[in-house]
Amino acid sequence: MTDLPGDVPPGDLPVTPDLARALEALGGQLVWRIGKDEASDDVIVRLGFASATPRFAHLPRLRSAGDAELQAALADNRVVIEWVD
C-alpha cells in the first residue's frame, strides 16, 4: 500500500498497471445501482458481484439522481457505499 497524506483527493491516487488490470478484470463481475436514499438526500452506491443481482430487488428503492446531484453529494461527503452479498 502506498503511504499518502490524508489530504490527497481520491482522484489523485496512483493506479499502478497491476491494479488497473485487476480492477478491469473485476469490473466485469460487478453490478451496481446508484441513487438517492428515500429518507435522506444521501447518494447510495450499491455494489456487489453479479451473483447478488437478485438481492438488489429486496433493498429499499433508490430515487434517480442526476449528475449535478451526484457531484453535490460528493462535495458534501453524503455518499454511502453499500456492499450487497
PDB file of N, CA and C in Angstrom:
ATOM      1  N   MET A   1       0.846  -1.170   0.000  1.00  0.00           N
ATOM      2  CA  MET A   1       0.000   0.000   0.000  1.00  0.00           C
ATOM      3  C   MET A   1       0.892   1.233   0.000  1.00  0.00           C
ATOM      4  N   THR A   2       0.500   2.252  -0.709  1.00  0.00           N
ATOM      5  CA  THR A   2       1.270   3.480  -0.785  1.00  0.00           C
ATOM      6  C   THR A   2       0.908   4.393   0.362  1.00  0.00           C
ATOM      7  N   ASP A   3       1.927   5.004   0.984  1.00  0.00           N
ATOM      8  CA  ASP A   3       1.675   5.983   2.034  1.00  0.00           C
ATOM      9  C   ASP A   3       1.403   7.330   1.394  1.00  0.00           C
ATOM     10  N   LEU A   4       0.203   7.825   1.569  1.00  0.00           N
ATOM     11  CA  LEU A   4      -0.186   9.116   1.006  1.00  0.00           C
ATOM     12  C   LEU A   4      -0.692  10.001   2.126  1.00  0.00           C
ATOM     13  N   PRO A   5      -0.449  11.304   2.024  1.00  0.00           N
ATOM     14  CA  PRO A   5      -1.010  12.194   3.030  1.00  0.00           C
ATOM     15  C   PRO A   5      -2.530  12.145   2.994  1.00  0.00           C
ATOM     16  N   GLY A   6      -3.159  12.409   4.138  1.00  0.00           N
ATOM     17  CA  GLY A   6      -4.604  12.313   4.255  1.00  0.00           C
ATOM     18  C   GLY A   6      -5.373  13.286   3.397  1.00  0.00           C
ATOM     19  N   ASP A   7      -4.719  14.317   2.872  1.00  0.00           N
ATOM     20  CA  ASP A   7      -5.456  15.318   2.105  1.00  0.00           C
ATOM     21  C   ASP A   7      -5.333  15.110   0.596  1.00  0.00           C
ATOM     22  N   VAL A   8      -4.898  13.929   0.152  1.00  0.00           N
ATOM     23  CA  VAL A   8      -4.817  13.648  -1.282  1.00  0.00           C
ATOM     24  C   VAL A   8      -6.212  13.293  -1.777  1.00  0.00           C
ATOM     25  N   PRO A   9      -6.737  14.041  -2.749  1.00  0.00           N
ATOM     26  CA  PRO A   9      -8.065  13.713  -3.284  1.00  0.00           C
ATOM     27  C   PRO A   9      -8.060  12.326  -3.912  1.00  0.00           C
ATOM     28  N   PRO A  10      -9.166  11.565  -3.768  1.00  0.00           N
ATOM     29  CA  PRO A  10      -9.213  10.210  -4.321  1.00  0.00           C
ATOM     30  C   PRO A  10      -8.879  10.148  -5.801  1.00  0.00           C
ATOM     31  N   GLY A  11      -9.259  11.155  -6.569  1.00  0.00           N
ATOM     32  CA  GLY A  11      -8.967  11.168  -7.999  1.00  0.00           C
ATOM     33  C   GLY A  11      -7.490  11.287  -8.303  1.00  0.00           C
ATOM     34  N   ASP A  12      -6.690  11.658  -7.314  1.00  0.00           N
ATOM     35  CA  ASP A  12      -5.254  11.818  -7.496  1.00  0.00           C
ATOM     36  C   ASP A  12      -4.454  10.623  -6.987  1.00  0.00           C
ATOM     37  N   LEU A  13      -5.129   9.571  -6.538  1.00  0.00           N
ATOM     38  CA  LEU A  13      -4.429   8.394  -6.049  1.00  0.00           C
ATOM     39  C   LEU A  13      -3.781   7.672  -7.219  1.00  0.00           C
ATOM     40  N   PRO A  14      -2.550   7.184  -7.025  1.00  0.00           N
ATOM     41  CA  PRO A  14      -1.878   6.490  -8.133  1.00  0.00           C
ATOM     42  C   PRO A  14      -2.519   5.138  -8.400  1.00  0.00           C
ATOM     43  N   VAL A  15      -2.668   4.799  -9.663  1.00  0.00           N
ATOM     44  CA  VAL A  15      -3.181   3.491 -10.063  1.00  0.00           C
ATOM     45  C   VAL A  15      -2.065   2.811 -10.844  1.00  0.00           C
ATOM     46  N   THR A  16      -1.523   1.764 -10.252  1.00  0.00           N
ATOM     47  CA  THR A  16      -0.449   1.028 -10.912  1.00  0.00           C
ATOM     48  C   THR A  16      -1.037   0.197 -12.043  1.00  0.00           C
ATOM     49  N   PRO A  17      -0.208  -0.193 -13.005  1.00  0.00           N
ATOM     50  CA  PRO A  17      -0.726  -1.046 -14.090  1.00  0.00           C
ATOM     51  C   PRO A  17      -1.341  -2.351 -13.577  1.00  0.00           C
ATOM     52  N   ASP A  18      -0.736  -2.951 -12.529  1.00  0.00           N
ATOM     53  CA  ASP A  18      -1.295  -4.186 -11.972  1.00  0.00           C
ATOM     54  C   ASP A  18      -2.664  -3.947 -11.360  1.00  0.00           C
ATOM     55  N   LEU A  19      -2.814  -2.849 -10.626  1.00  0.00           N
ATOM     56  CA  LEU A  19      -4.098  -2.519 -10.021  1.00  0.00           C
ATOM     57  C   LEU A  19      -5.131  -2.233 -11.099  1.00  0.00           C
ATOM     58  N   ALA A  20      -4.746  -1.521 -12.131  1.00  0.00           N
ATOM     59  CA  ALA A  20      -5.676  -1.207 -13.223  1.00  0.00           C
ATOM     60  C   ALA A  20      -6.173  -2.490 -13.887  1.00  0.00           C
ATOM     61  N   ARG A  21      -5.285  -3.457 -14.124  1.00  0.00           N
ATOM     62  CA  ARG A  21      -5.699  -4.730 -14.734  1.00  0.00           C
ATOM     63  C   ARG A  21      -6.636  -5.495 -13.804  1.00  0.00           C
ATOM     64  N   ALA A  22      -6.318  -5.501 -12.507  1.00  0.00           N
ATOM     65  CA  ALA A  22      -7.164  -6.213 -11.544  1.00  0.00           C
ATOM     66  C   ALA A  22      -8.556  -5.595 -11.476  1.00  0.00           C
ATOM     67  N   LEU A  23      -8.631  -4.261 -11.445  1.00  0.00           N
ATOM     68  CA  LEU A  23      -9.923  -3.579 -11.394  1.00  0.00           C
ATOM     69  C   LEU A  23     -10.723  -3.822 -12.668  1.00  0.00           C
ATOM     70  N   GLU A  24     -10.050  -3.811 -13.801  1.00  0.00           N
ATOM     71  CA  GLU A  24     -10.742  -4.052 -15.066  1.00  0.00           C
ATOM     72  C   GLU A  24     -11.301  -5.476 -15.109  1.00  0.00           C
ATOM     73  N   ALA A  25     -10.532  -6.460 -14.646  1.00  0.00           N
ATOM     74  CA  ALA A  25     -10.999  -7.844 -14.629  1.00  0.00           C
ATOM     75  C   ALA A  25     -12.172  -8.003 -13.656  1.00  0.00           C
ATOM     76  N   LEU A  26     -12.105  -7.361 -12.514  1.00  0.00           N
ATOM     77  CA  LEU A  26     -13.163  -7.450 -11.518  1.00  0.00           C
ATOM     78  C   LEU A  26     -14.419  -6.711 -11.982  1.00  0.00           C
ATOM     79  N   GLY A  27     -14.252  -5.631 -12.707  1.00  0.00           N
ATOM     80  CA  GLY A  27     -15.380  -4.811 -13.155  1.00  0.00           C
ATOM     81  C   GLY A  27     -16.406  -5.584 -13.946  1.00  0.00           C
ATOM     82  N   GLY A  28     -15.993  -6.583 -14.686  1.00  0.00           N
ATOM     83  CA  GLY A  28     -16.919  -7.385 -15.458  1.00  0.00           C
ATOM     84  C   GLY A  28     -17.774  -8.312 -14.601  1.00  0.00           C
ATOM     85  N   GLN A  29     -17.407  -8.468 -13.327  1.00  0.00           N
ATOM     86  CA  GLN A  29     -18.129  -9.361 -12.436  1.00  0.00           C
ATOM     87  C   GLN A  29     -19.019  -8.613 -11.450  1.00  0.00           C
ATOM     88  N   LEU A  30     -19.018  -7.276 -11.529  1.00  0.00           N
ATOM     89  CA  LEU A  30     -19.756  -6.466 -10.559  1.00  0.00           C
ATOM     90  C   LEU A  30     -21.009  -5.851 -11.166  1.00  0.00           C
ATOM     91  N   VAL A  31     -22.005  -5.653 -10.322  1.00  0.00           N
ATOM     92  CA  VAL A  31     -23.192  -4.879 -10.686  1.00  0.00           C
ATOM     93  C   VAL A  31     -23.344  -3.770  -9.653  1.00  0.00           C
ATOM     94  N   TRP A  32     -23.981  -2.682 -10.038  1.00  0.00           N
ATOM     95  CA  TRP A  32     -24.158  -1.576  -9.112  1.00  0.00           C
ATOM     96  C   TRP A  32     -25.425  -0.826  -9.417  1.00  0.00           C
ATOM     97  N   ARG A  33     -25.866  -0.083  -8.433  1.00  0.00           N
ATOM     98  CA  ARG A  33     -27.033   0.799  -8.549  1.00  0.00           C
ATOM     99  C   ARG A  33     -26.688   2.056  -7.776  1.00  0.00           C
ATOM    100  N   ILE A  34     -26.910   3.190  -8.380  1.00  0.00           N
ATOM    101  CA  ILE A  34     -26.623   4.470  -7.739  1.00  0.00           C
ATOM    102  C   ILE A  34     -27.902   5.291  -7.731  1.00  0.00           C
ATOM    103  N   GLY A  35     -28.230   5.871  -6.584  1.00  0.00           N
ATOM    104  CA  GLY A  35     -29.413   6.713  -6.478  1.00  0.00           C
ATOM    105  C   GLY A  35     -29.478   7.384  -5.124  1.00  0.00           C
ATOM    106  N   LYS A  36     -30.505   8.188  -4.943  1.00  0.00           N
ATOM    107  CA  LYS A  36     -30.688   8.890  -3.677  1.00  0.00           C
ATOM    108  C   LYS A  36     -31.583   8.088  -2.757  1.00  0.00           C
ATOM    109  N   ASP A  37     -31.233   8.110  -1.494  1.00  0.00           N
ATOM    110  CA  ASP A  37     -31.999   7.425  -0.462  1.00  0.00           C
ATOM    111  C   ASP A  37     -33.375   8.071  -0.335  1.00  0.00           C
ATOM    112  N   GLU A  38     -34.416   7.252  -0.146  1.00  0.00           N
ATOM    113  CA  GLU A  38     -35.786   7.766   0.015  1.00  0.00           C
ATOM    114  C   GLU A  38     -35.919   8.655   1.253  1.00  0.00           C
ATOM    115  N   ALA A  39     -35.202   8.334   2.318  1.00  0.00           N
ATOM    116  CA  ALA A  39     -35.370   9.042   3.595  1.00  0.00           C
ATOM    117  C   ALA A  39     -34.432  10.237   3.758  1.00  0.00           C
ATOM    118  N   SER A  40     -33.409  10.338   2.936  1.00  0.00           N
ATOM    119  CA  SER A  40     -32.451  11.445   3.073  1.00  0.00           C
ATOM    120  C   SER A  40     -31.982  11.859   1.681  1.00  0.00           C
ATOM    121  N   ASP A  41     -31.101  12.823   1.648  1.00  0.00           N
ATOM    122  CA  ASP A  41     -30.523  13.238   0.365  1.00  0.00           C
ATOM    123  C   ASP A  41     -29.187  12.561   0.093  1.00  0.00           C
ATOM    124  N   ASP A  42     -28.831  11.552   0.911  1.00  0.00           N
ATOM    125  CA  ASP A  42     -27.588  10.836   0.680  1.00  0.00           C
ATOM    126  C   ASP A  42     -27.662  10.084  -0.641  1.00  0.00           C
ATOM    127  N   VAL A  43     -26.535  10.012  -1.328  1.00  0.00           N
ATOM    128  CA  VAL A  43     -26.433   9.195  -2.526  1.00  0.00           C
ATOM    129  C   VAL A  43     -25.903   7.839  -2.084  1.00  0.00           C
ATOM    130  N   ILE A  44     -26.600   6.796  -2.483  1.00  0.00           N
ATOM    131  CA  ILE A  44     -26.236   5.432  -2.127  1.00  0.00           C
ATOM    132  C   ILE A  44     -25.645   4.759  -3.363  1.00  0.00           C
ATOM    133  N   VAL A  45     -24.502   4.120  -3.174  1.00  0.00           N
ATOM    134  CA  VAL A  45     -23.893   3.300  -4.218  1.00  0.00           C
ATOM    135  C   VAL A  45     -23.962   1.865  -3.723  1.00  0.00           C
ATOM    136  N   ARG A  46     -24.786   1.070  -4.363  1.00  0.00           N
ATOM    137  CA  ARG A  46     -24.891  -0.347  -4.021  1.00  0.00           C
ATOM    138  C   ARG A  46     -24.045  -1.119  -5.005  1.00  0.00           C
ATOM    139  N   LEU A  47     -23.207  -1.981  -4.474  1.00  0.00           N
ATOM    140  CA  LEU A  47     -22.223  -2.685  -5.278  1.00  0.00           C
ATOM    141  C   LEU A  47     -22.176  -4.140  -4.834  1.00  0.00           C
ATOM    142  N   GLY A  48     -22.098  -5.044  -5.781  1.00  0.00           N
ATOM    143  CA  GLY A  48     -21.988  -6.457  -5.441  1.00  0.00           C
ATOM    144  C   GLY A  48     -21.590  -7.265  -6.665  1.00  0.00           C
ATOM    145  N   PHE A  49     -21.283  -8.526  -6.414  1.00  0.00           N
ATOM    146  CA  PHE A  49     -20.983  -9.418  -7.528  1.00  0.00           C
ATOM    147  C   PHE A  49     -22.264  -9.702  -8.302  1.00  0.00           C
ATOM    148  N   ALA A  50     -22.130 -10.071  -9.553  1.00  0.00           N
ATOM    149  CA  ALA A  50     -23.291 -10.346 -10.401  1.00  0.00           C
ATOM    150  C   ALA A  50     -24.191 -11.415  -9.785  1.00  0.00           C
ATOM    151  N   SER A  51     -23.614 -12.342  -9.047  1.00  0.00           N
ATOM    152  CA  SER A  51     -24.418 -13.384  -8.412  1.00  0.00           C
ATOM    153  C   SER A  51     -25.379 -12.829  -7.358  1.00  0.00           C
ATOM    154  N   ALA A  52     -25.143 -11.591  -6.895  1.00  0.00           N
ATOM    155  CA  ALA A  52     -26.004 -10.953  -5.889  1.00  0.00           C
ATOM    156  C   ALA A  52     -27.138 -10.146  -6.514  1.00  0.00           C
ATOM    157  N   THR A  53     -27.237 -10.122  -7.830  1.00  0.00           N
ATOM    158  CA  THR A  53     -28.236  -9.298  -8.514  1.00  0.00           C
ATOM    159  C   THR A  53     -29.656  -9.492  -7.972  1.00  0.00           C
ATOM    160  N   PRO A  54     -30.124 -10.705  -7.719  1.00  0.00           N
ATOM    161  CA  PRO A  54     -31.494 -10.846  -7.206  1.00  0.00           C
ATOM    162  C   PRO A  54     -31.712 -10.163  -5.855  1.00  0.00           C
ATOM    163  N   ARG A  55     -30.678 -10.049  -5.046  1.00  0.00           N
ATOM    164  CA  ARG A  55     -30.822  -9.434  -3.719  1.00  0.00           C
ATOM    165  C   ARG A  55     -31.006  -7.917  -3.797  1.00  0.00           C
ATOM    166  N   PHE A  56     -30.591  -7.303  -4.893  1.00  0.00           N
ATOM    167  CA  PHE A  56     -30.789  -5.864  -5.061  1.00  0.00           C
ATOM    168  C   PHE A  56     -32.280  -5.526  -5.014  1.00  0.00           C
ATOM    169  N   ALA A  57     -33.129  -6.422  -5.532  1.00  0.00           N
ATOM    170  CA  ALA A  57     -34.567  -6.175  -5.594  1.00  0.00           C
ATOM    171  C   ALA A  57     -35.217  -6.130  -4.215  1.00  0.00           C
ATOM    172  N   HIS A  58     -34.575  -6.690  -3.204  1.00  0.00           N
ATOM    173  CA  HIS A  58     -35.144  -6.740  -1.855  1.00  0.00           C
ATOM    174  C   HIS A  58     -34.717  -5.551  -0.993  1.00  0.00           C
ATOM    175  N   LEU A  59     -33.912  -4.665  -1.555  1.00  0.00           N
ATOM    176  CA  LEU A  59     -33.445  -3.492  -0.806  1.00  0.00           C
ATOM    177  C   LEU A  59     -34.379  -2.311  -1.045  1.00  0.00           C
ATOM    178  N   PRO A  60     -34.399  -1.343  -0.141  1.00  0.00           N
ATOM    179  CA  PRO A  60     -35.255  -0.160  -0.346  1.00  0.00           C
ATOM    180  C   PRO A  60     -34.930   0.533  -1.673  1.00  0.00           C
ATOM    181  N   ARG A  61     -35.971   1.077  -2.274  1.00  0.00           N
ATOM    182  CA  ARG A  61     -35.817   1.774  -3.565  1.00  0.00           C
ATOM    183  C   ARG A  61     -34.920   2.991  -3.433  1.00  0.00           C
ATOM    184  N   LEU A  62     -34.231   3.286  -4.513  1.00  0.00           N
ATOM    185  CA  LEU A  62     -33.426   4.499  -4.601  1.00  0.00           C
ATOM    186  C   LEU A  62     -34.057   5.402  -5.652  1.00  0.00           C
ATOM    187  N   ARG A  63     -34.108   6.695  -5.350  1.00  0.00           N
ATOM    188  CA  ARG A  63     -34.610   7.674  -6.319  1.00  0.00           C
ATOM    189  C   ARG A  63     -33.512   7.994  -7.328  1.00  0.00           C
ATOM    190  N   SER A  64     -33.907   8.369  -8.497  1.00  0.00           N
ATOM    191  CA  SER A  64     -32.963   8.758  -9.534  1.00  0.00           C
ATOM    192  C   SER A  64     -32.170   9.981  -9.086  1.00  0.00           C
ATOM    193  N   ALA A  65     -30.905  10.035  -9.462  1.00  0.00           N
ATOM    194  CA  ALA A  65     -30.053  11.172  -9.125  1.00  0.00           C
ATOM    195  C   ALA A  65     -29.284  11.586 -10.375  1.00  0.00           C
ATOM    196  N   GLY A  66     -29.348  12.858 -10.694  1.00  0.00           N
ATOM    197  CA  GLY A  66     -28.629  13.388 -11.853  1.00  0.00           C
ATOM    198  C   GLY A  66     -27.176  13.680 -11.523  1.00  0.00           C
ATOM    199  N   ASP A  67     -26.423  14.012 -12.552  1.00  0.00           N
ATOM    200  CA  ASP A  67     -25.001  14.295 -12.379  1.00  0.00           C
ATOM    201  C   ASP A  67     -24.739  15.414 -11.379  1.00  0.00           C
ATOM    202  N   ALA A  68     -25.524  16.483 -11.434  1.00  0.00           N
ATOM    203  CA  ALA A  68     -25.326  17.607 -10.516  1.00  0.00           C
ATOM    204  C   ALA A  68     -25.564  17.185  -9.066  1.00  0.00           C
ATOM    205  N   GLU A  69     -26.588  16.338  -8.857  1.00  0.00           N
ATOM    206  CA  GLU A  69     -26.873  15.856  -7.506  1.00  0.00           C
ATOM    207  C   GLU A  69     -25.752  14.947  -6.999  1.00  0.00           C
ATOM    208  N   LEU A  70     -25.212  14.126  -7.893  1.00  0.00           N
ATOM    209  CA  LEU A  70     -24.098  13.263  -7.515  1.00  0.00           C
ATOM    210  C   LEU A  70     -22.868  14.080  -7.143  1.00  0.00           C
ATOM    211  N   GLN A  71     -22.573  15.101  -7.940  1.00  0.00           N
ATOM    212  CA  GLN A  71     -21.418  15.970  -7.655  1.00  0.00           C
ATOM    213  C   GLN A  71     -21.597  16.687  -6.321  1.00  0.00           C
ATOM    214  N   ALA A  72     -22.806  17.184  -6.054  1.00  0.00           N
ATOM    215  CA  ALA A  72     -23.072  17.881  -4.797  1.00  0.00           C
ATOM    216  C   ALA A  72     -22.916  16.941  -3.611  1.00  0.00           C
ATOM    217  N   ALA A  73     -23.403  15.707  -3.748  1.00  0.00           N
ATOM    218  CA  ALA A  73     -23.278  14.735  -2.663  1.00  0.00           C
ATOM    219  C   ALA A  73     -21.815  14.393  -2.410  1.00  0.00           C
ATOM    220  N   LEU A  74     -21.039  14.255  -3.464  1.00  0.00           N
ATOM    221  CA  LEU A  74     -19.604  14.002  -3.291  1.00  0.00           C
ATOM    222  C   LEU A  74     -18.931  15.161  -2.578  1.00  0.00           C
ATOM    223  N   ALA A  75     -19.254  16.383  -2.979  1.00  0.00           N
ATOM    224  CA  ALA A  75     -18.648  17.565  -2.365  1.00  0.00           C
ATOM    225  C   ALA A  75     -19.025  17.694  -0.893  1.00  0.00           C
ATOM    226  N   ASP A  76     -20.240  17.253  -0.535  1.00  0.00           N
ATOM    227  CA  ASP A  76     -20.730  17.362   0.846  1.00  0.00           C
ATOM    228  C   ASP A  76     -20.494  16.097   1.665  1.00  0.00           C
ATOM    229  N   ASN A  77     -19.760  15.141   1.101  1.00  0.00           N
ATOM    230  CA  ASN A  77     -19.464  13.879   1.790  1.00  0.00           C
ATOM    231  C   ASN A  77     -20.750  13.154   2.202  1.00  0.00           C
ATOM    232  N   ARG A  78     -21.724  13.104   1.291  1.00  0.00           N
ATOM    233  CA  ARG A  78     -23.008  12.438   1.541  1.00  0.00           C
ATOM    234  C   ARG A  78     -23.180  11.249   0.604  1.00  0.00           C
ATOM    235  N   VAL A  79     -22.109  10.479   0.429  1.00  0.00           N
ATOM    236  CA  VAL A  79     -22.152   9.286  -0.399  1.00  0.00           C
ATOM    237  C   VAL A  79     -21.905   8.078   0.493  1.00  0.00           C
ATOM    238  N   VAL A  80     -22.807   7.116   0.404  1.00  0.00           N
ATOM    239  CA  VAL A  80     -22.715   5.893   1.200  1.00  0.00           C
ATOM    240  C   VAL A  80     -22.538   4.716   0.244  1.00  0.00           C
ATOM    241  N   ILE A  81     -21.547   3.892   0.518  1.00  0.00           N
ATOM    242  CA  ILE A  81     -21.316   2.713  -0.312  1.00  0.00           C
ATOM    243  C   ILE A  81     -21.802   1.497   0.457  1.00  0.00           C
ATOM    244  N   GLU A  82     -22.681   0.732  -0.179  1.00  0.00           N
ATOM    245  CA  GLU A  82     -23.237  -0.485   0.426  1.00  0.00           C
ATOM    246  C   GLU A  82     -22.794  -1.695  -0.404  1.00  0.00           C
ATOM    247  N   TRP A  83     -22.223  -2.689   0.252  1.00  0.00           N
ATOM    248  CA  TRP A  83     -21.874  -3.937  -0.426  1.00  0.00           C
ATOM    249  C   TRP A  83     -23.067  -4.882  -0.309  1.00  0.00           C
ATOM    250  N   VAL A  84     -23.506  -5.415  -1.432  1.00  0.00           N
ATOM    251  CA  VAL A  84     -24.636  -6.351  -1.463  1.00  0.00           C
ATOM    252  C   VAL A  84     -24.078  -7.755  -1.635  1.00  0.00           C
ATOM    253  N   ASP A  85     -24.332  -8.604  -0.628  1.00  0.00           N
ATOM    254  CA  ASP A  85     -23.862 -10.004  -0.679  1.00  0.00           C
ATOM    255  C   ASP A  85     -24.837 -10.869  -1.405  1.00  0.00           C
TER     256      ASP A  85
END
